[in-house]
């Protein structure tokens, strides 16, 4: 039987897959074979049953597609430009940050939309169905607001309308240049808002997202304890009390020292003591924590937003995943600086960092689940929670955020169950991804996004133009 599609989703313009059949699938009940899955017109899974006879779209291996919980889309266009040593013999996150500030001064709204669409396309082709966009680039070069304060938020939403990715837009509150309240520097001036102006911007962002498909969502993101005041942090938390709340915390040693001097506590310690950190919170990086902070974060129910490729690139440090998971902590992964978009590599890097630190193997595995299973299911569930998205699992009622792996790939031949995930993560790569659905929207087919040619074409023009300007 041929591929079965439901009606076009009028709010997105993309076809919704109606029926698909998997030789094996990872569901909430574990691995199942010969599985028929039906998706309704709203993009939710409406039925799951065993069916020996294939029907609809046939795939070899079906998995819940994770959400990329942390992205700065515009930084994708910097990839490969910051690997030369600068005048400082001790290049670090802080010297990289200065280069990033100089680069972003050149970006126009058209640039940002084209870059965002390209990186979202890459995310989908890597197996992510959705993204949490930690969006802090708000104003023109020099800090002058656009006539439409939410202009750049609208550009992120426009990119999502083009790619079909599930979007949780996270406008960032950024008030000052450091814990001492100093004014924003030249590289930061495009980020800045006081809380009153930020409220207006947030309303504009919510309006932009409301024109996307119904699975799109808006949250709020006080940038960090370095960049917001106590009053600003309290106000940001209250602006959308039921929405996702994301925040950078405990990423760098100098950050720890600055926050300790200004707030009297280490950043994670201070947050956990002063706020009701719970399931709506996603705390990004958390690579610099004490053992008691690791335990308390795990028990809070919040998501640790880990970005292993970027954290490796910037020398942030190693998250204590072993202890955190032993305490029952929830985590997800994000591509952050977007230097490389690879779901399998994020997960592999997370596990390998634990092995290098502990001089061991299969550090995050349990007696009941392989390393790949622990990594994949953790990232799928944690990413969904962080994005406020009803996804991350193959279950009736959940969004049909799904990814299919090509079971004919050499390293997947004859593999069943957890060995599929172990092979995908540790000896394969994202070339194994054949199809991706975001809320039922069939966006990646035979490994390529359905709008790849036009999206890549616009990005190429943008990069050539940027190169001339820089």
Foldseek 3Di string as FASTA:
>chain_A
DEADWDDQQVLQRFIFGAKFWEQWEQFPVGIDGGKIWGADSLQFTADIDHDPDGDHHYFYYKYFFAEFEEAAQLLQLCQPVPPDDDPDPDDFLVNVVVVVLVLVLPDDLLLLLLSLLVLLQLQVLQRHQAYEYAYQQFDHQVQHADPQRQSNLLSNLVSCSVQVGAYAYAYEEFAAQFLVRHHHDNSRSSRYDDQVVVLSNQVVNVVSQVSHRPQHHYAYEHEESTGDDPVSVVSRCPSDVVAAYEYEFLQAPVNQVRCCVRVVHGRLVVDLVPDLQALSYEYEHNQHDDLVSLLSQQVSHYEDEYALVVCVVRVRHARPPLSNVVSRRAYAYHNYSPSDNWPLARLLSNQVSNCVVVVDPQSVADPVAGSLVSSQLRRLVNSCSNSVAQTSRPDGPGRRFMWGFHCPPPQNPPDDGRSNRVSCNPVHTSLRTAWTAHSSRTQHHGSGGPCVVVSVVSNVVSSVVSVVVD
